[in-house]
Amino acid sequence: MIPALPHQQLHDMCTVLSSASLIRLVSEIDDHGAIPVRGLARTLADLSTRQIRQAIEQADALGLLIRTPGSVGLSAAGRDLADLYDATARWARRHNHPAPLCDFAGRIQHTFALLGTPTEGTQDPDGEHVAELGRIHWLMAEWVHTHQRNRSTHGVAA
């Protein structure tokens, strides 16, 4: 059984994993496979060189990448995080969160921000909204438990 994440740890992980450039990097590799190192700037053309470098450093620190001599791919932790991102975006689309029209990274960022805040007093007459958000919380806890238990990254101890 996966233990629930304490609120502060959940908040911290949501913050770390909400980087738009990290979301973009992980999603791009998940969707299209390993990216040639020399092709990162071309593939992630909407990100600056600094943003790409920070995303790679953060992904490395989280153990999300596998490097081959000429390319960067996802490790098991990276593939599982991509699945968490997909599940989060599906939840957000289903609930029009934060708005009916929003990009993939924005949906994840806003949902992780919601996930990282206490839910006491949340208005949800049928409980479905909170219950489904609880599933995202469980998926986050499972990802942290499986891939980050003994890792300390960017000031976040898992």
N, C-alpha and C. Protein backbone atom coordinates (compact mmCIF):
# COMPACT_ATOMS: atom_id res chain seq x y z
N MET A 1 0.85 -1.18 0.00
CA MET A 1 0.00 0.00 0.00
C MET A 1 0.89 1.24 0.00
N ILE A 2 0.54 2.20 -0.80
CA ILE A 2 1.29 3.44 -0.92
C ILE A 2 0.79 4.41 0.16
N PRO A 3 1.69 4.90 1.02
CA PRO A 3 1.24 5.86 2.03
C PRO A 3 0.95 7.21 1.38
N ALA A 4 -0.02 7.92 1.95
CA ALA A 4 -0.33 9.27 1.46
C ALA A 4 0.86 10.19 1.74
N LEU A 5 1.03 11.17 0.89
CA LEU A 5 2.11 12.12 1.11
C LEU A 5 1.68 13.15 2.15
N PRO A 6 2.57 13.49 3.08
CA PRO A 6 2.26 14.60 3.98
C PRO A 6 2.05 15.87 3.14
N HIS A 7 1.20 16.77 3.63
CA HIS A 7 0.84 17.95 2.84
C HIS A 7 2.07 18.72 2.36
N GLN A 8 3.05 18.96 3.21
CA GLN A 8 4.21 19.76 2.81
C GLN A 8 5.00 19.06 1.71
N GLN A 9 5.16 17.75 1.80
CA GLN A 9 5.89 17.01 0.78
C GLN A 9 5.11 17.04 -0.54
N LEU A 10 3.79 16.88 -0.46
CA LEU A 10 2.96 16.97 -1.66
C LEU A 10 3.10 18.34 -2.31
N HIS A 11 3.01 19.39 -1.51
CA HIS A 11 3.15 20.75 -2.01
C HIS A 11 4.51 20.94 -2.69
N ASP A 12 5.57 20.47 -2.02
CA ASP A 12 6.92 20.62 -2.57
C ASP A 12 7.10 19.87 -3.88
N MET A 13 6.60 18.64 -3.96
CA MET A 13 6.73 17.86 -5.19
C MET A 13 5.90 18.49 -6.31
N CYS A 14 4.71 18.97 -5.97
CA CYS A 14 3.89 19.64 -6.99
C CYS A 14 4.63 20.84 -7.55
N THR A 15 5.31 21.58 -6.69
CA THR A 15 6.07 22.75 -7.12
C THR A 15 7.22 22.35 -8.04
N VAL A 16 7.99 21.35 -7.62
CA VAL A 16 9.14 20.90 -8.41
C VAL A 16 8.70 20.36 -9.77
N LEU A 17 7.64 19.59 -9.80
CA LEU A 17 7.20 18.94 -11.04
C LEU A 17 6.36 19.84 -11.94
N SER A 18 6.09 21.07 -11.50
CA SER A 18 5.25 22.00 -12.26
C SER A 18 6.03 22.90 -13.21
N SER A 19 7.30 22.73 -13.30
CA SER A 19 8.10 23.55 -14.20
C SER A 19 7.62 23.32 -15.64
N ALA A 20 7.24 24.39 -16.31
CA ALA A 20 6.74 24.28 -17.69
C ALA A 20 7.78 23.64 -18.61
N SER A 21 9.05 23.98 -18.43
CA SER A 21 10.08 23.41 -19.30
C SER A 21 10.29 21.92 -19.00
N LEU A 22 10.16 21.51 -17.73
CA LEU A 22 10.26 20.09 -17.39
C LEU A 22 9.08 19.32 -17.99
N ILE A 23 7.89 19.87 -17.85
CA ILE A 23 6.69 19.25 -18.43
C ILE A 23 6.88 19.09 -19.94
N ARG A 24 7.36 20.12 -20.57
CA ARG A 24 7.56 20.11 -22.02
C ARG A 24 8.57 19.06 -22.44
N LEU A 25 9.72 19.01 -21.72
CA LEU A 25 10.78 18.05 -22.04
C LEU A 25 10.28 16.61 -21.88
N VAL A 26 9.70 16.30 -20.73
CA VAL A 26 9.23 14.94 -20.46
C VAL A 26 8.14 14.54 -21.46
N SER A 27 7.21 15.43 -21.72
CA SER A 27 6.11 15.13 -22.64
C SER A 27 6.60 14.93 -24.07
N GLU A 28 7.53 15.74 -24.49
CA GLU A 28 8.07 15.61 -25.85
C GLU A 28 8.77 14.27 -26.04
N ILE A 29 9.60 13.89 -25.08
CA ILE A 29 10.30 12.61 -25.19
C ILE A 29 9.30 11.46 -25.11
N ASP A 30 8.30 11.58 -24.23
CA ASP A 30 7.30 10.53 -24.10
C ASP A 30 6.51 10.36 -25.40
N ASP A 31 6.16 11.46 -26.02
CA ASP A 31 5.35 11.41 -27.25
C ASP A 31 6.14 10.95 -28.48
N HIS A 32 7.43 11.33 -28.56
CA HIS A 32 8.18 11.12 -29.80
C HIS A 32 9.44 10.30 -29.66
N GLY A 33 9.76 9.86 -28.46
CA GLY A 33 10.96 9.07 -28.25
C GLY A 33 12.17 9.93 -27.94
N ALA A 34 13.29 9.28 -27.78
CA ALA A 34 14.54 9.96 -27.42
C ALA A 34 14.83 11.11 -28.39
N ILE A 35 15.41 12.16 -27.85
CA ILE A 35 15.74 13.34 -28.65
C ILE A 35 17.26 13.40 -28.81
N PRO A 36 17.73 13.56 -30.05
CA PRO A 36 19.17 13.74 -30.23
C PRO A 36 19.62 14.99 -29.46
N VAL A 37 20.75 14.88 -28.77
CA VAL A 37 21.23 16.00 -27.96
C VAL A 37 21.37 17.26 -28.81
N ARG A 38 21.86 17.12 -30.00
CA ARG A 38 22.02 18.28 -30.88
C ARG A 38 20.69 18.81 -31.40
N GLY A 39 19.63 18.07 -31.23
CA GLY A 39 18.32 18.48 -31.71
C GLY A 39 17.41 19.04 -30.63
N LEU A 40 17.91 19.17 -29.39
CA LEU A 40 17.06 19.65 -28.31
C LEU A 40 16.50 21.05 -28.59
N ALA A 41 17.36 21.96 -29.01
CA ALA A 41 16.91 23.34 -29.27
C ALA A 41 15.89 23.38 -30.41
N ARG A 42 16.07 22.56 -31.41
CA ARG A 42 15.15 22.52 -32.55
C ARG A 42 13.82 21.88 -32.13
N THR A 43 13.89 20.81 -31.34
CA THR A 43 12.68 20.11 -30.91
C THR A 43 11.89 20.94 -29.91
N LEU A 44 12.59 21.60 -29.02
CA LEU A 44 11.94 22.43 -27.98
C LEU A 44 12.12 23.90 -28.33
N ALA A 45 11.75 24.25 -29.56
CA ALA A 45 12.00 25.60 -30.08
C ALA A 45 11.30 26.70 -29.29
N ASP A 46 10.24 26.35 -28.56
CA ASP A 46 9.53 27.37 -27.77
C ASP A 46 10.23 27.66 -26.44
N LEU A 47 11.32 26.94 -26.14
CA LEU A 47 12.07 27.17 -24.90
C LEU A 47 13.42 27.80 -25.23
N SER A 48 13.88 28.65 -24.33
CA SER A 48 15.21 29.25 -24.50
C SER A 48 16.28 28.20 -24.16
N THR A 49 17.50 28.47 -24.55
CA THR A 49 18.61 27.58 -24.23
C THR A 49 18.73 27.41 -22.72
N ARG A 50 18.56 28.49 -21.98
CA ARG A 50 18.63 28.43 -20.52
C ARG A 50 17.52 27.54 -19.96
N GLN A 51 16.31 27.67 -20.48
CA GLN A 51 15.19 26.85 -20.01
C GLN A 51 15.43 25.37 -20.31
N ILE A 52 15.97 25.08 -21.48
CA ILE A 52 16.28 23.69 -21.83
C ILE A 52 17.33 23.14 -20.88
N ARG A 53 18.38 23.90 -20.65
CA ARG A 53 19.45 23.47 -19.75
C ARG A 53 18.90 23.22 -18.34
N GLN A 54 18.06 24.12 -17.84
CA GLN A 54 17.47 23.93 -16.51
C GLN A 54 16.56 22.71 -16.47
N ALA A 55 15.79 22.48 -17.52
CA ALA A 55 14.91 21.31 -17.56
C ALA A 55 15.73 20.02 -17.56
N ILE A 56 16.82 19.99 -18.32
CA ILE A 56 17.69 18.81 -18.36
C ILE A 56 18.32 18.59 -16.99
N GLU A 57 18.81 19.64 -16.37
CA GLU A 57 19.43 19.51 -15.04
C GLU A 57 18.41 19.02 -14.02
N GLN A 58 17.21 19.57 -14.06
CA GLN A 58 16.18 19.15 -13.12
C GLN A 58 15.77 17.71 -13.39
N ALA A 59 15.60 17.34 -14.65
CA ALA A 59 15.24 15.97 -15.00
C ALA A 59 16.34 14.99 -14.57
N ASP A 60 17.59 15.37 -14.75
CA ASP A 60 18.69 14.53 -14.29
C ASP A 60 18.65 14.36 -12.77
N ALA A 61 18.42 15.46 -12.06
CA ALA A 61 18.38 15.41 -10.59
C ALA A 61 17.24 14.52 -10.09
N LEU A 62 16.16 14.46 -10.84
CA LEU A 62 15.01 13.63 -10.47
C LEU A 62 15.12 12.20 -11.00
N GLY A 63 16.18 11.92 -11.74
CA GLY A 63 16.37 10.58 -12.28
C GLY A 63 15.42 10.24 -13.41
N LEU A 64 15.02 11.24 -14.20
CA LEU A 64 14.02 11.04 -15.25
C LEU A 64 14.60 10.66 -16.60
N LEU A 65 15.91 10.84 -16.76
CA LEU A 65 16.51 10.68 -18.08
C LEU A 65 17.47 9.50 -18.17
N ILE A 66 17.55 8.96 -19.37
CA ILE A 66 18.58 8.00 -19.75
C ILE A 66 19.34 8.67 -20.88
N ARG A 67 20.64 8.71 -20.74
CA ARG A 67 21.47 9.32 -21.78
C ARG A 67 22.23 8.24 -22.53
N THR A 68 22.18 8.34 -23.83
CA THR A 68 23.01 7.52 -24.70
C THR A 68 24.03 8.47 -25.31
N PRO A 69 25.03 7.98 -26.01
CA PRO A 69 26.04 8.91 -26.55
C PRO A 69 25.47 10.07 -27.35
N GLY A 70 24.37 9.87 -28.06
CA GLY A 70 23.87 10.97 -28.89
C GLY A 70 22.47 11.45 -28.58
N SER A 71 21.82 10.87 -27.56
CA SER A 71 20.43 11.26 -27.34
C SER A 71 20.05 11.22 -25.86
N VAL A 72 18.85 11.76 -25.60
CA VAL A 72 18.30 11.79 -24.25
C VAL A 72 16.92 11.14 -24.30
N GLY A 73 16.72 10.12 -23.47
CA GLY A 73 15.43 9.43 -23.40
C GLY A 73 14.92 9.41 -21.97
N LEU A 74 13.79 8.78 -21.76
CA LEU A 74 13.19 8.73 -20.43
C LEU A 74 13.54 7.43 -19.71
N SER A 75 13.83 7.54 -18.44
CA SER A 75 14.01 6.38 -17.57
C SER A 75 12.62 5.90 -17.16
N ALA A 76 12.56 4.86 -16.36
CA ALA A 76 11.27 4.39 -15.85
C ALA A 76 10.58 5.50 -15.06
N ALA A 77 11.34 6.24 -14.26
CA ALA A 77 10.76 7.35 -13.50
C ALA A 77 10.20 8.41 -14.44
N GLY A 78 10.89 8.69 -15.53
CA GLY A 78 10.43 9.66 -16.51
C GLY A 78 9.17 9.21 -17.22
N ARG A 79 9.11 7.93 -17.58
CA ARG A 79 7.91 7.40 -18.24
C ARG A 79 6.72 7.43 -17.29
N ASP A 80 6.96 7.08 -16.03
CA ASP A 80 5.87 7.12 -15.05
C ASP A 80 5.42 8.56 -14.78
N LEU A 81 6.36 9.50 -14.79
CA LEU A 81 5.97 10.91 -14.61
C LEU A 81 5.15 11.38 -15.81
N ALA A 82 5.52 10.96 -17.01
CA ALA A 82 4.74 11.31 -18.20
C ALA A 82 3.32 10.78 -18.06
N ASP A 83 3.17 9.58 -17.52
CA ASP A 83 1.83 9.02 -17.29
C ASP A 83 1.07 9.85 -16.25
N LEU A 84 1.75 10.30 -15.21
CA LEU A 84 1.13 11.17 -14.20
C LEU A 84 0.70 12.49 -14.84
N TYR A 85 1.56 13.06 -15.68
CA TYR A 85 1.20 14.29 -16.39
C TYR A 85 -0.04 14.07 -17.26
N ASP A 86 -0.09 12.96 -17.99
CA ASP A 86 -1.24 12.67 -18.85
C ASP A 86 -2.52 12.52 -18.04
N ALA A 87 -2.46 11.78 -16.94
CA ALA A 87 -3.64 11.59 -16.08
C ALA A 87 -4.10 12.93 -15.50
N THR A 88 -3.15 13.75 -15.12
CA THR A 88 -3.48 15.06 -14.56
C THR A 88 -4.15 15.95 -15.61
N ALA A 89 -3.61 15.96 -16.81
CA ALA A 89 -4.19 16.77 -17.88
C ALA A 89 -5.59 16.27 -18.25
N ARG A 90 -5.79 14.94 -18.25
CA ARG A 90 -7.13 14.39 -18.53
C ARG A 90 -8.13 14.85 -17.47
N TRP A 91 -7.74 14.79 -16.19
CA TRP A 91 -8.61 15.25 -15.11
C TRP A 91 -8.96 16.73 -15.32
N ALA A 92 -7.94 17.53 -15.62
CA ALA A 92 -8.14 18.97 -15.81
C ALA A 92 -9.07 19.26 -16.99
N ARG A 93 -8.90 18.55 -18.09
CA ARG A 93 -9.78 18.74 -19.25
C ARG A 93 -11.22 18.36 -18.90
N ARG A 94 -11.38 17.25 -18.21
CA ARG A 94 -12.72 16.77 -17.85
C ARG A 94 -13.44 17.78 -16.96
N HIS A 95 -12.69 18.50 -16.14
CA HIS A 95 -13.28 19.46 -15.20
C HIS A 95 -13.07 20.91 -15.63
N ASN A 96 -12.63 21.10 -16.88
CA ASN A 96 -12.38 22.45 -17.40
C ASN A 96 -11.53 23.28 -16.45
N HIS A 97 -10.49 22.65 -15.94
CA HIS A 97 -9.60 23.32 -14.99
C HIS A 97 -8.30 23.67 -15.67
N PRO A 98 -7.86 24.87 -15.63
CA PRO A 98 -8.43 26.04 -14.95
C PRO A 98 -9.49 26.76 -15.79
N ALA A 99 -9.60 26.39 -17.07
CA ALA A 99 -10.56 27.02 -17.97
C ALA A 99 -10.84 26.02 -19.10
N PRO A 100 -11.93 26.22 -19.84
CA PRO A 100 -12.21 25.29 -20.94
C PRO A 100 -11.07 25.21 -21.96
N LEU A 101 -10.40 26.31 -22.22
CA LEU A 101 -9.27 26.31 -23.15
C LEU A 101 -7.99 26.61 -22.37
N CYS A 102 -7.06 25.68 -22.41
CA CYS A 102 -5.79 25.85 -21.71
C CYS A 102 -4.79 24.87 -22.33
N ASP A 103 -3.52 25.21 -22.33
CA ASP A 103 -2.52 24.29 -22.89
C ASP A 103 -2.18 23.19 -21.89
N PHE A 104 -1.52 22.17 -22.39
CA PHE A 104 -1.19 20.97 -21.61
C PHE A 104 -0.41 21.32 -20.34
N ALA A 105 0.67 22.08 -20.48
CA ALA A 105 1.49 22.44 -19.31
C ALA A 105 0.69 23.28 -18.32
N GLY A 106 -0.13 24.19 -18.82
CA GLY A 106 -0.95 25.03 -17.94
C GLY A 106 -1.94 24.21 -17.14
N ARG A 107 -2.55 23.23 -17.77
CA ARG A 107 -3.48 22.35 -17.04
C ARG A 107 -2.76 21.62 -15.91
N ILE A 108 -1.57 21.10 -16.20
CA ILE A 108 -0.81 20.38 -15.18
C ILE A 108 -0.39 21.33 -14.07
N GLN A 109 0.14 22.49 -14.42
CA GLN A 109 0.57 23.46 -13.41
C GLN A 109 -0.59 23.86 -12.50
N HIS A 110 -1.72 24.19 -13.05
CA HIS A 110 -2.86 24.62 -12.25
C HIS A 110 -3.41 23.48 -11.39
N THR A 111 -3.44 22.28 -11.95
CA THR A 111 -3.95 21.14 -11.19
C THR A 111 -2.98 20.79 -10.06
N PHE A 112 -1.68 20.82 -10.32
CA PHE A 112 -0.72 20.56 -9.25
C PHE A 112 -0.79 21.64 -8.18
N ALA A 113 -1.05 22.89 -8.58
CA ALA A 113 -1.22 23.95 -7.58
C ALA A 113 -2.44 23.67 -6.71
N LEU A 114 -3.52 23.21 -7.34
CA LEU A 114 -4.73 22.84 -6.60
C LEU A 114 -4.46 21.65 -5.69
N LEU A 115 -3.74 20.67 -6.21
CA LEU A 115 -3.41 19.47 -5.45
C LEU A 115 -2.54 19.81 -4.25
N GLY A 116 -1.67 20.80 -4.39
CA GLY A 116 -0.76 21.17 -3.31
C GLY A 116 -1.36 22.07 -2.25
N THR A 117 -2.66 22.40 -2.37
CA THR A 117 -3.32 23.22 -1.35
C THR A 117 -4.31 22.37 -0.57
N PRO A 118 -4.54 22.72 0.69
CA PRO A 118 -5.50 21.94 1.49
C PRO A 118 -6.90 21.98 0.86
N THR A 119 -7.65 20.87 0.99
CA THR A 119 -8.97 20.78 0.37
C THR A 119 -10.11 20.98 1.36
N GLU A 120 -9.81 21.33 2.61
CA GLU A 120 -10.88 21.54 3.57
C GLU A 120 -11.81 22.64 3.07
N GLY A 121 -13.09 22.41 3.16
CA GLY A 121 -14.07 23.42 2.77
C GLY A 121 -14.30 23.51 1.28
N THR A 122 -13.73 22.60 0.49
CA THR A 122 -13.93 22.62 -0.96
C THR A 122 -15.39 22.36 -1.27
N GLN A 123 -15.96 23.17 -2.13
CA GLN A 123 -17.35 23.00 -2.55
C GLN A 123 -17.42 21.97 -3.67
N ASP A 124 -18.03 20.84 -3.41
CA ASP A 124 -18.19 19.80 -4.41
C ASP A 124 -19.40 18.98 -4.00
N PRO A 125 -20.59 19.38 -4.45
CA PRO A 125 -21.82 18.74 -3.99
C PRO A 125 -21.85 17.22 -4.16
N ASP A 126 -21.34 16.70 -5.27
CA ASP A 126 -21.42 15.25 -5.47
C ASP A 126 -20.14 14.52 -5.08
N GLY A 127 -19.11 15.24 -4.72
CA GLY A 127 -17.87 14.62 -4.28
C GLY A 127 -16.99 14.09 -5.40
N GLU A 128 -17.48 14.09 -6.63
CA GLU A 128 -16.73 13.52 -7.75
C GLU A 128 -15.43 14.28 -8.01
N HIS A 129 -15.52 15.59 -8.03
CA HIS A 129 -14.36 16.45 -8.30
C HIS A 129 -13.23 16.13 -7.33
N VAL A 130 -13.52 16.13 -6.04
CA VAL A 130 -12.51 15.88 -5.01
C VAL A 130 -12.04 14.43 -5.06
N ALA A 131 -12.94 13.50 -5.29
CA ALA A 131 -12.56 12.08 -5.36
C ALA A 131 -11.59 11.84 -6.51
N GLU A 132 -11.89 12.42 -7.67
CA GLU A 132 -11.00 12.25 -8.82
C GLU A 132 -9.67 12.96 -8.60
N LEU A 133 -9.69 14.10 -7.94
CA LEU A 133 -8.44 14.78 -7.61
C LEU A 133 -7.64 13.93 -6.62
N GLY A 134 -8.34 13.22 -5.74
CA GLY A 134 -7.68 12.30 -4.82
C GLY A 134 -6.93 11.21 -5.56
N ARG A 135 -7.45 10.79 -6.72
CA ARG A 135 -6.74 9.79 -7.53
C ARG A 135 -5.43 10.36 -8.05
N ILE A 136 -5.43 11.63 -8.45
CA ILE A 136 -4.20 12.27 -8.91
C ILE A 136 -3.21 12.34 -7.75
N HIS A 137 -3.72 12.67 -6.55
CA HIS A 137 -2.87 12.70 -5.35
C HIS A 137 -2.25 11.32 -5.13
N TRP A 138 -3.06 10.27 -5.26
CA TRP A 138 -2.56 8.91 -5.08
C TRP A 138 -1.50 8.57 -6.12
N LEU A 139 -1.72 8.96 -7.38
CA LEU A 139 -0.74 8.71 -8.43
C LEU A 139 0.57 9.45 -8.14
N MET A 140 0.46 10.67 -7.63
CA MET A 140 1.66 11.44 -7.24
C MET A 140 2.39 10.71 -6.11
N ALA A 141 1.63 10.28 -5.09
CA ALA A 141 2.23 9.57 -3.96
C ALA A 141 2.92 8.29 -4.43
N GLU A 142 2.28 7.57 -5.35
CA GLU A 142 2.87 6.34 -5.88
C GLU A 142 4.17 6.66 -6.63
N TRP A 143 4.17 7.72 -7.43
CA TRP A 143 5.37 8.10 -8.18
C TRP A 143 6.50 8.47 -7.21
N VAL A 144 6.19 9.27 -6.21
CA VAL A 144 7.21 9.67 -5.23
C VAL A 144 7.72 8.44 -4.48
N HIS A 145 6.81 7.59 -4.03
CA HIS A 145 7.20 6.40 -3.27
C HIS A 145 8.08 5.47 -4.11
N THR A 146 7.74 5.31 -5.37
CA THR A 146 8.47 4.40 -6.25
C THR A 146 9.81 4.97 -6.71
N HIS A 147 9.85 6.26 -7.02
CA HIS A 147 11.03 6.81 -7.69
C HIS A 147 11.83 7.84 -6.90
N GLN A 148 11.29 8.36 -5.80
CA GLN A 148 11.98 9.46 -5.13
C GLN A 148 12.23 9.21 -3.64
N ARG A 149 12.01 8.02 -3.17
CA ARG A 149 12.09 7.74 -1.73
C ARG A 149 13.39 8.21 -1.10
N ASN A 150 14.50 7.93 -1.71
CA ASN A 150 15.79 8.25 -1.11
C ASN A 150 16.53 9.36 -1.85
N ARG A 151 15.80 10.13 -2.59
CA ARG A 151 16.40 11.17 -3.41
C ARG A 151 16.04 12.53 -2.84
N SER A 152 17.00 13.41 -2.78
CA SER A 152 16.73 14.78 -2.36
C SER A 152 17.09 15.67 -3.54
N THR A 153 16.10 16.42 -4.04
CA THR A 153 16.32 17.23 -5.23
C THR A 153 15.76 18.62 -5.05
N HIS A 154 16.55 19.58 -5.42
CA HIS A 154 16.10 20.97 -5.40
C HIS A 154 15.45 21.31 -4.05
N GLY A 155 16.04 20.81 -2.97
CA GLY A 155 15.52 21.14 -1.64
C GLY A 155 14.31 20.32 -1.25
N VAL A 156 13.92 19.34 -2.05
CA VAL A 156 12.75 18.53 -1.72
C VAL A 156 13.25 17.16 -1.30
N ALA A 157 13.03 16.81 -0.06
CA ALA A 157 13.38 15.48 0.41
C ALA A 157 12.15 14.60 0.31
N ALA A 158 12.30 13.52 -0.38
CA ALA A 158 11.15 12.62 -0.55
C ALA A 158 11.20 11.48 0.44
